[in-house]
Protein backbone atom coordinates (compact mmCIF):
# COMPACT_ATOMS: atom_id res chain seq x y z
CA UNK A 1 66.75 117.00 100.23
CA UNK A 2 67.03 119.26 103.20
CA UNK A 3 68.72 118.03 106.21
CA UNK A 4 66.48 117.89 109.41
CA UNK A 5 69.21 118.59 111.68
CA UNK A 6 72.82 120.12 111.28
CA UNK A 7 74.71 117.09 112.29
CA UNK A 8 73.79 113.52 111.42
CA UNK A 9 73.47 111.09 114.14
CA UNK A 10 75.05 108.24 112.18
CA UNK A 11 78.34 110.02 111.49
CA UNK A 12 80.92 112.42 112.61
CA UNK A 13 80.50 116.08 111.55
CA UNK A 14 81.15 119.63 112.37
CA UNK A 15 78.86 122.70 112.33
CA UNK A 16 79.34 126.34 113.33
CA UNK A 17 77.34 127.65 116.30
CA UNK A 18 78.32 131.04 115.62
CA UNK A 19 77.51 131.29 111.87
CA UNK A 20 75.47 134.42 110.98
CA UNK A 21 71.96 134.01 111.00
CA UNK A 22 69.37 135.44 108.40
CA UNK A 23 68.00 138.73 110.05
CA UNK A 24 66.24 138.17 113.15
CA UNK A 25 64.36 141.45 113.44
CA UNK A 26 61.48 139.70 115.04
CA UNK A 27 60.53 136.46 116.70
CA UNK A 28 62.58 133.25 117.55
CA UNK A 29 64.49 130.96 115.09
CA UNK A 30 65.31 127.52 116.27
CA UNK A 31 67.46 124.99 114.37
CA UNK A 32 67.89 121.39 115.54
CA UNK A 33 71.56 120.49 115.68
CA UNK A 34 71.37 116.94 116.61
CA UNK A 35 68.50 114.55 117.64
CA UNK A 36 68.96 110.83 119.00
CA UNK A 37 66.94 108.72 121.48
CA UNK A 38 67.39 110.57 124.79
CA UNK A 39 69.32 113.61 123.44
CA UNK A 40 68.17 116.73 121.64
CA UNK A 41 70.54 119.66 120.91
CA UNK A 42 68.68 122.97 119.47
CA UNK A 43 70.20 126.09 118.52
CA UNK A 44 68.02 129.28 119.19
CA UNK A 45 68.28 132.90 118.13
CA UNK A 46 66.00 135.31 119.81
CA UNK A 47 65.30 138.93 118.53
CA UNK A 48 65.20 141.73 121.21
CA UNK A 49 61.91 141.84 123.05
CA UNK A 50 61.08 138.34 122.61
CA UNK A 51 60.14 135.91 125.30
CA UNK A 52 59.04 132.31 126.10
CA UNK A 53 56.36 132.00 128.82
CA UNK A 54 56.95 129.97 131.86
CA UNK A 55 56.85 126.38 131.07
CA UNK A 56 58.22 122.90 132.28
CA UNK A 57 60.10 119.97 130.43
CA UNK A 58 60.49 116.31 131.51
CA UNK A 59 63.94 116.52 130.31
CA UNK A 60 67.13 117.61 132.05
CA UNK A 61 68.54 120.56 130.11
CA UNK A 62 71.64 122.71 129.69
CA UNK A 63 71.41 126.35 128.22
CA UNK A 64 74.60 127.57 126.98
CA UNK A 65 74.62 131.27 126.01
CA UNK A 66 76.53 132.00 122.83
CA UNK A 67 75.93 135.65 122.14
CA UNK A 68 73.84 138.52 123.54
CA UNK A 69 72.12 138.63 126.98
CA UNK A 70 68.87 137.23 128.29
CA UNK A 71 67.06 137.13 131.64
CA UNK A 72 66.23 133.50 132.39
CA UNK A 73 63.92 132.84 135.29
CA UNK A 74 64.23 129.52 137.01
CA UNK A 75 61.67 128.63 139.89
CA UNK A 76 60.99 132.39 140.10
CA UNK A 77 64.59 133.44 140.34
CA UNK A 78 65.97 135.74 137.47
CA UNK A 79 69.45 134.84 136.26
CA UNK A 80 70.91 137.56 133.96
CA UNK A 81 73.03 135.41 131.56
CA UNK A 82 75.59 136.52 129.14
CA UNK A 83 77.99 134.68 126.67
CA UNK A 84 79.89 131.80 128.28
CA UNK A 85 77.19 131.38 131.00
CA UNK A 86 75.80 127.62 131.26
CA UNK A 87 72.67 127.08 133.12
CA UNK A 88 71.41 123.70 134.46
CA UNK A 89 67.58 122.97 134.41
CA UNK A 90 66.59 119.76 136.41
CA UNK A 91 63.51 118.03 134.89
CA UNK A 92 60.31 119.72 135.91
CA UNK A 93 61.77 123.02 136.82
CA UNK A 94 59.42 125.91 135.82
CA UNK A 95 61.37 128.32 133.60
CA UNK A 96 60.96 131.05 131.21
CA UNK A 97 63.24 133.37 129.13
CA UNK A 98 63.14 137.00 128.11
CA UNK A 99 65.36 138.93 125.39
CA UNK A 100 66.35 142.52 126.30
CA UNK A 101 68.62 142.35 123.38
CA UNK A 102 69.20 139.80 120.38
CA UNK A 103 70.91 136.60 121.86
CA UNK A 104 71.74 133.03 120.86
CA UNK A 105 71.56 129.94 122.97
CA UNK A 106 72.37 126.30 122.73
CA UNK A 107 69.68 124.05 124.32
CA UNK A 108 70.87 120.46 125.22
CA UNK A 109 68.10 118.22 126.54
CA UNK A 110 68.61 114.81 128.03
CA UNK A 111 66.11 112.14 128.81
CA UNK A 112 66.34 108.84 130.34
CA UNK A 113 66.14 106.19 127.81
CA UNK A 114 66.73 103.24 130.09
CA UNK A 115 63.68 101.04 130.20
């Protein structure tokens, strides 16, 4: 049976965020790392030339660049991000991303689960 996420929400575990990825010659590959109520962590690998058009999210997000470089637009301001950079996106902030080269990022999304 295939695991739906790299880490189980029910137990402690370890996964490599820098493990090699099958050839990303084209497109975008995403892999769920951990999903719980109010939290979603996703690993993304972008091939050079790929992009996500401007969109918004209800979640607060942190984007951590793991490898390569990208241009991340937030509210119309372009940020040239590189490995080690951490970008905060408040809920509702319009954003888009372009990959001038292959890059990987970790996206952590938080939503308010208080009722």
